[in-house]
Protein backbone atom coordinates (compact mmCIF):
# COMPACT_ATOMS: atom_id res chain seq x y z
CA MET A 1 9.54 15.98 19.96
CA LYS A 2 6.55 17.95 18.64
CA LYS A 3 6.06 15.33 15.90
CA TRP A 4 5.82 12.52 18.46
CA ILE A 5 3.41 14.51 20.66
CA LEU A 6 1.16 15.10 17.64
CA ILE A 7 1.29 11.43 16.65
CA LEU A 8 0.40 10.35 20.20
CA ALA A 9 -2.53 12.76 20.33
CA LEU A 10 -3.85 11.54 17.00
CA ALA A 11 -3.33 7.92 18.09
CA LEU A 12 -5.44 8.48 21.20
CA GLY A 13 -8.15 9.94 19.01
CA ILE A 14 -8.09 7.04 16.55
CA GLY A 15 -8.18 4.62 19.48
CA HIS A 16 -11.48 6.10 20.70
CA SER A 17 -12.83 6.08 17.14
CA LEU A 18 -11.97 2.40 16.71
CA GLN A 19 -13.76 1.45 19.90
CA ALA A 20 -16.86 3.43 18.94
CA LEU A 21 -17.00 2.14 15.38
CA ALA A 22 -16.34 -1.50 16.27
CA ALA A 23 -19.32 -1.43 18.63
CA THR A 24 -21.79 0.08 16.17
CA VAL A 25 -21.03 -0.58 12.49
CA SER A 26 -19.79 -3.29 10.13
CA PRO A 27 -16.12 -3.57 9.12
CA GLU A 28 -17.03 -2.23 5.67
CA GLU A 29 -18.69 0.83 7.16
CA GLN A 30 -15.72 1.30 9.51
CA ILE A 31 -13.28 1.58 6.63
CA LEU A 32 -15.61 3.90 4.71
CA GLN A 33 -16.09 6.24 7.67
CA LEU A 34 -12.44 6.34 8.69
CA THR A 35 -11.05 6.93 5.22
CA GLU A 36 -13.68 9.60 4.55
CA LYS A 37 -12.31 11.48 7.58
CA TRP A 38 -8.81 11.17 6.12
CA LEU A 39 -9.72 12.80 2.81
CA GLY A 40 -7.57 15.91 2.47
CA THR A 41 -4.81 14.59 4.75
CA PRO A 42 -1.41 15.67 3.38
CA TYR A 43 0.77 13.33 1.34
CA GLY A 44 4.15 12.46 2.87
CA VAL A 45 7.06 10.63 1.27
CA GLY A 46 7.91 7.48 3.25
CA PRO A 47 6.31 8.71 6.51
CA LEU A 48 6.66 5.45 8.47
CA GLY A 49 9.65 3.54 9.76
CA GLU A 50 10.56 1.25 12.64
CA GLY A 51 9.91 3.75 15.43
CA ARG A 52 12.30 5.09 18.05
CA ASP A 53 14.15 1.77 18.30
CA GLY A 54 14.74 1.54 14.55
CA ARG A 55 18.35 0.93 13.57
CA TYR A 56 18.11 2.61 10.18
CA ASP A 57 14.74 4.40 10.04
CA GLN A 58 13.28 5.93 13.19
CA ASP A 59 10.21 7.39 11.56
CA PRO A 60 7.03 6.39 13.47
CA LEU A 61 5.48 2.92 13.19
CA TYR A 62 2.14 4.63 12.58
CA ARG A 63 0.80 8.14 12.10
CA PHE A 64 -2.41 9.81 10.98
CA ASP A 65 -1.27 13.31 10.04
CA GLN A 66 0.19 12.27 6.65
CA PHE A 67 0.23 9.23 4.37
CA ASP A 68 1.90 7.94 1.24
CA CYS A 69 -0.07 5.63 -1.04
CA VAL A 70 0.97 2.44 0.75
CA THR A 71 0.75 3.66 4.35
CA PHE A 72 -2.75 5.00 3.67
CA VAL A 73 -3.87 1.52 2.63
CA GLU A 74 -2.02 -0.14 5.51
CA THR A 75 -3.46 2.20 8.13
CA ALA A 76 -6.99 1.77 6.80
CA ILE A 77 -6.79 -2.04 6.79
CA ALA A 78 -5.20 -2.11 10.25
CA SER A 79 -8.08 -0.01 11.60
CA VAL A 80 -10.82 -2.58 10.89
CA LEU A 81 -11.52 -5.88 12.63
CA VAL A 82 -9.88 -4.50 15.79
CA SER A 83 -11.57 -3.01 18.84
CA ASP A 84 -8.77 -1.00 20.44
CA PHE A 85 -5.49 0.71 19.74
CA ASP A 86 -3.36 -2.22 20.89
CA GLY A 87 -5.12 -4.36 18.30
CA PHE A 88 -4.45 -1.72 15.66
CA LYS A 89 -0.71 -1.60 16.43
CA LYS A 90 -0.39 -5.40 16.30
CA ARG A 91 -2.25 -5.61 13.02
CA MET A 92 -0.23 -2.74 11.54
CA ASN A 93 2.99 -4.64 12.24
CA GLU A 94 1.52 -7.80 10.71
CA ILE A 95 0.66 -5.90 7.53
CA ARG A 96 3.97 -4.05 7.20
CA TYR A 97 6.44 -6.73 8.28
CA LEU A 98 7.08 -10.36 7.45
CA GLY A 99 5.81 -12.37 10.41
CA GLY A 100 5.07 -9.11 12.25
CA LYS A 101 8.79 -8.77 13.08
CA VAL A 102 9.67 -5.08 13.09
CA ASP A 103 12.97 -4.60 11.26
CA TYR A 104 13.96 -2.67 8.15
CA THR A 105 14.97 -5.86 6.33
CA THR A 106 11.69 -7.64 7.16
CA ARG A 107 9.53 -4.72 6.04
CA ASN A 108 7.32 -5.52 3.06
CA HIS A 109 9.13 -3.02 0.83
CA PHE A 110 8.13 -4.53 -2.52
CA THR A 111 4.42 -4.69 -3.29
CA GLU A 112 4.89 -7.39 -5.94
CA VAL A 113 6.92 -9.97 -4.01
CA ASP A 114 6.50 -8.90 -0.37
CA TRP A 115 3.42 -6.87 0.46
CA ILE A 116 0.73 -8.66 -1.55
CA PRO A 117 1.90 -12.29 -1.21
CA ASN A 118 2.87 -11.98 2.47
CA ASN A 119 -0.48 -10.44 3.38
CA ILE A 120 -2.31 -13.17 1.50
CA LYS A 121 -0.26 -15.80 3.36
CA ASN A 122 -1.03 -14.25 6.74
CA GLY A 123 -4.75 -14.08 5.95
CA ILE A 124 -5.13 -10.30 5.93
CA LEU A 125 -5.76 -10.22 2.17
CA PHE A 126 -7.19 -12.82 -0.18
CA ASP A 127 -6.85 -13.36 -3.91
CA VAL A 128 -9.72 -12.30 -6.16
CA MET A 129 -7.97 -12.40 -9.54
CA GLY A 130 -9.23 -15.91 -10.21
CA GLU A 131 -12.79 -14.68 -9.76
CA VAL A 132 -12.02 -11.70 -12.00
CA GLU A 133 -10.84 -13.97 -14.79
CA LYS A 134 -14.16 -15.85 -14.79
CA HIS A 135 -15.78 -12.65 -16.04
CA SER A 136 -13.00 -11.24 -18.24
CA LYS A 137 -13.26 -10.91 -22.01
CA ALA A 138 -9.80 -12.42 -22.51
CA PRO A 139 -7.25 -14.32 -20.40
CA ILE A 140 -5.80 -12.15 -17.64
CA PRO A 141 -2.24 -11.02 -18.55
CA ILE A 142 0.75 -11.41 -16.24
CA ALA A 143 3.17 -8.58 -15.46
CA ILE A 144 6.76 -9.79 -15.10
CA ALA A 145 9.58 -7.93 -13.35
CA GLU A 146 12.95 -8.85 -11.90
CA ILE A 147 13.03 -7.61 -8.31
CA ASP A 148 16.71 -7.16 -7.48
CA LYS A 149 16.77 -6.45 -3.76
CA LYS A 150 20.55 -6.65 -3.51
CA HIS A 151 21.06 -3.77 -5.94
CA TRP A 152 18.12 -1.87 -4.44
CA TYR A 153 19.96 -1.89 -1.11
CA GLU A 154 23.19 -0.88 -2.84
CA LYS A 155 21.43 2.20 -4.23
CA LYS A 156 20.45 3.41 -0.75
CA SER A 157 21.82 6.82 0.23
CA ILE A 158 22.60 8.43 3.56
CA SER A 159 19.45 10.56 3.24
CA GLU A 160 17.43 7.37 3.76
CA ILE A 161 19.08 6.68 7.12
CA LYS A 162 16.57 8.45 9.37
CA LEU A 163 18.05 8.68 12.85
CA GLU A 164 17.70 11.37 15.50
CA GLY A 165 20.71 12.73 17.40
CA VAL A 166 23.22 10.68 15.40
CA SER A 167 26.34 12.03 13.68
CA THR A 168 26.87 11.94 9.94
CA GLU A 169 29.71 9.46 10.50
CA GLU A 170 27.41 7.09 12.39
CA LYS A 171 24.73 7.41 9.72
CA GLN A 172 27.31 6.50 7.09
CA SER A 173 28.29 3.46 9.16
CA ARG A 174 24.66 2.36 9.44
CA LEU A 175 24.21 2.82 5.70
CA LEU A 176 27.16 0.55 4.96
CA GLU A 177 25.80 -1.97 7.45
CA LEU A 178 22.39 -1.93 5.75
CA GLN A 179 23.93 -2.34 2.31
CA THR A 180 25.92 -5.30 3.61
CA ARG A 181 22.76 -6.94 4.92
CA GLY A 182 21.16 -6.31 1.53
CA ARG A 183 23.80 -8.40 -0.22
CA GLU A 184 22.14 -11.48 1.23
CA MET A 185 18.83 -10.66 -0.46
CA PRO A 186 17.77 -12.79 -3.44
CA VAL A 187 16.68 -11.72 -6.90
CA GLU A 188 12.99 -12.58 -7.23
CA ILE A 189 10.82 -12.76 -10.33
CA SER A 190 7.45 -11.09 -9.86
CA LYS A 191 4.58 -12.56 -11.88
CA LEU A 192 1.59 -10.39 -11.11
CA PRO A 193 -1.79 -10.90 -12.83
CA TYR A 194 -3.62 -7.71 -13.71
CA ILE A 195 -6.82 -6.40 -15.27
CA PRO A 196 -5.94 -4.52 -18.47
CA PHE A 197 -7.67 -1.24 -19.23
CA SER A 198 -9.51 -2.92 -22.12
CA GLU A 199 -11.62 -4.88 -19.62
CA PHE A 200 -13.21 -1.62 -18.48
CA THR A 201 -14.76 -0.76 -21.84
CA ASN A 202 -17.69 -2.38 -23.61
CA ASP A 203 -18.22 -3.01 -27.34
CA ARG A 204 -19.14 0.66 -27.80
CA SER A 205 -15.92 1.84 -26.11
CA GLU A 206 -17.91 3.04 -23.10
CA PHE A 207 -16.69 2.63 -19.53
CA THR A 208 -18.02 -0.45 -17.70
CA ASP A 209 -17.24 -1.89 -14.28
CA GLN A 210 -19.04 -5.17 -14.97
CA ILE A 211 -15.87 -7.18 -14.35
CA LEU A 212 -16.11 -6.14 -10.67
CA ALA A 213 -19.77 -7.07 -10.27
CA THR A 214 -19.30 -10.18 -8.09
CA LEU A 215 -16.48 -8.86 -5.93
CA PRO A 216 -16.47 -7.51 -2.34
CA HIS A 217 -17.07 -3.80 -1.94
CA VAL A 218 -13.68 -3.14 -0.31
CA LEU A 219 -10.58 -3.99 -2.36
CA VAL A 220 -6.90 -3.08 -2.40
CA LEU A 221 -5.95 -1.68 -5.81
CA SER A 222 -2.40 -1.70 -7.20
CA VAL A 223 -1.52 0.13 -10.42
CA VAL A 224 0.51 -2.15 -12.69
CA ARG A 225 3.36 -1.05 -14.94
CA PRO A 226 4.93 -4.33 -16.10
CA GLY A 227 8.71 -4.50 -15.86
CA TRP A 228 9.04 -0.83 -14.92
CA ASP A 229 12.76 -0.23 -15.37
CA LEU A 230 14.19 1.68 -12.40
CA VAL A 231 17.54 -0.09 -12.42
CA ALA A 232 19.53 3.11 -13.01
CA VAL A 233 17.95 5.00 -10.12
CA ALA A 234 16.75 2.28 -7.73
CA GLY A 235 18.65 -0.83 -8.76
CA THR A 236 15.63 -2.88 -9.78
CA GLN A 237 12.56 -3.29 -11.94
CA LEU A 238 9.07 -3.02 -10.46
CA ASN A 239 5.57 -4.08 -11.46
CA VAL A 240 3.58 -1.73 -9.19
CA THR A 241 3.64 2.07 -9.21
CA HIS A 242 0.78 3.08 -6.88
CA GLN A 243 -1.80 1.76 -4.40
CA GLY A 244 -5.20 2.74 -3.13
CA LEU A 245 -8.51 1.42 -1.87
CA LEU A 246 -11.19 0.50 -4.41
CA LEU A 247 -14.55 1.01 -2.69
CA LYS A 248 -18.14 0.59 -3.80
CA ILE A 249 -20.14 3.44 -2.28
CA ASP A 250 -23.84 3.87 -3.04
CA GLY A 251 -23.53 1.55 -6.03
CA LYS A 252 -20.54 3.35 -7.54
CA TRP A 253 -16.87 2.31 -7.55
CA VAL A 254 -14.42 4.95 -6.32
CA VAL A 255 -10.71 4.99 -5.47
CA ARG A 256 -9.49 6.59 -2.26
CA HIS A 257 -5.74 7.06 -2.29
CA ALA A 258 -2.88 9.26 -1.12
CA SER A 259 -2.01 11.06 -4.32
CA SER A 260 1.45 12.39 -5.16
CA ASP A 261 0.13 14.41 -8.10
CA LYS A 262 -0.41 18.17 -7.80
CA ARG A 263 -3.11 17.56 -5.19
CA TYR A 264 -0.57 15.99 -2.79
CA ARG A 265 -3.17 14.69 -0.33
CA VAL A 266 -5.66 11.87 0.24
CA VAL A 267 -8.33 12.12 -2.43
CA GLN A 268 -11.30 10.26 -3.87
CA ASP A 269 -11.64 9.67 -7.61
CA ASP A 270 -14.35 7.91 -9.57
CA LEU A 271 -12.88 4.66 -10.88
CA GLU A 272 -13.43 5.75 -14.49
CA VAL A 273 -11.47 8.97 -13.94
CA PHE A 274 -8.75 7.18 -12.00
CA LEU A 275 -8.20 4.63 -14.78
CA LYS A 276 -8.26 7.20 -17.57
CA ASN A 277 -5.58 9.26 -15.80
CA ARG A 278 -3.33 6.20 -15.38
CA GLN A 279 -3.89 5.15 -18.95
CA LYS A 280 -2.21 8.38 -20.05
CA VAL A 281 1.08 7.27 -18.42
CA THR A 282 3.40 5.34 -20.72
CA GLY A 283 3.89 1.77 -19.55
CA ILE A 284 0.93 1.52 -17.17
CA LYS A 285 -1.28 -1.32 -18.38
CA GLY A 286 -3.96 -1.91 -15.75
CA ILE A 287 -4.64 -2.80 -12.12
CA HIS A 288 -4.28 -5.71 -9.71
CA ILE A 289 -6.87 -6.07 -6.95
CA ALA A 290 -7.08 -8.10 -3.74
CA GLY A 291 -9.78 -8.57 -1.13
CA VAL A 292 -9.52 -7.65 2.55
CA SER A 293 -10.45 -10.61 4.74
CA GLY A 294 -13.69 -10.11 6.63
CA VAL A 295 -14.44 -6.76 5.00
CA GLY A 296 -16.67 -5.66 2.18
CA PHE A 297 -19.13 -8.53 1.70
């Protein structure tokens, strides 16, 4: 109960902030101001679900006291181009769920084949990789992964059934039900274009962000690890390991993101530092970026 009271209190506060910001500043400035306030907010693993009516995951539909990397991005995007809290809630559902239909199986679980393409189709995001390629030194590579949703559902455990006041036996029943629904899910091939790290260095091996010069100042960044093999633990491959917001502030590109490293909170890193840290991880090859409609021009 205390969790829900806290979430409601924070929601009322964000509602007032949205109204004030929408009346006075541009969408770009809205997202900069809001996410600056969220710097230092604790990281939480999978903090959102389908709310109190959820059949498998009753975590809140929204919260502002903790974020993971995806929910930070979702909450930030949902907070702009709306003037009140009802608008925020509607937009949040549109971002997180196919067709805005709140259900575990319609949630955009997979960044590669759900989250990015569905939010481009619904007009919340737009593709910028074609524009990127016009300024790249070499053809943009494509990350390929086999997204096996059926086996991902099979790998679900009872710890992922988040229900309040429900017996272990009922949770086990819901888990089996969810796994059964997952058997209907297709295998999808993700083909995700990305900017390799080499595009961020010049002929003298110095950092350069020139490839971003013509792009909007607010972008969604996804870290790409082509064909990341998680079959043994999660039942599938992935192409994306992390998300954040790529923002141009005072002429400099920075990444704001909910970090699961030792900092375990929402942080801001210079783009150069962010990329160098990812480059140290075996298998990570670069980043995918997308624009946010109506923001950052």
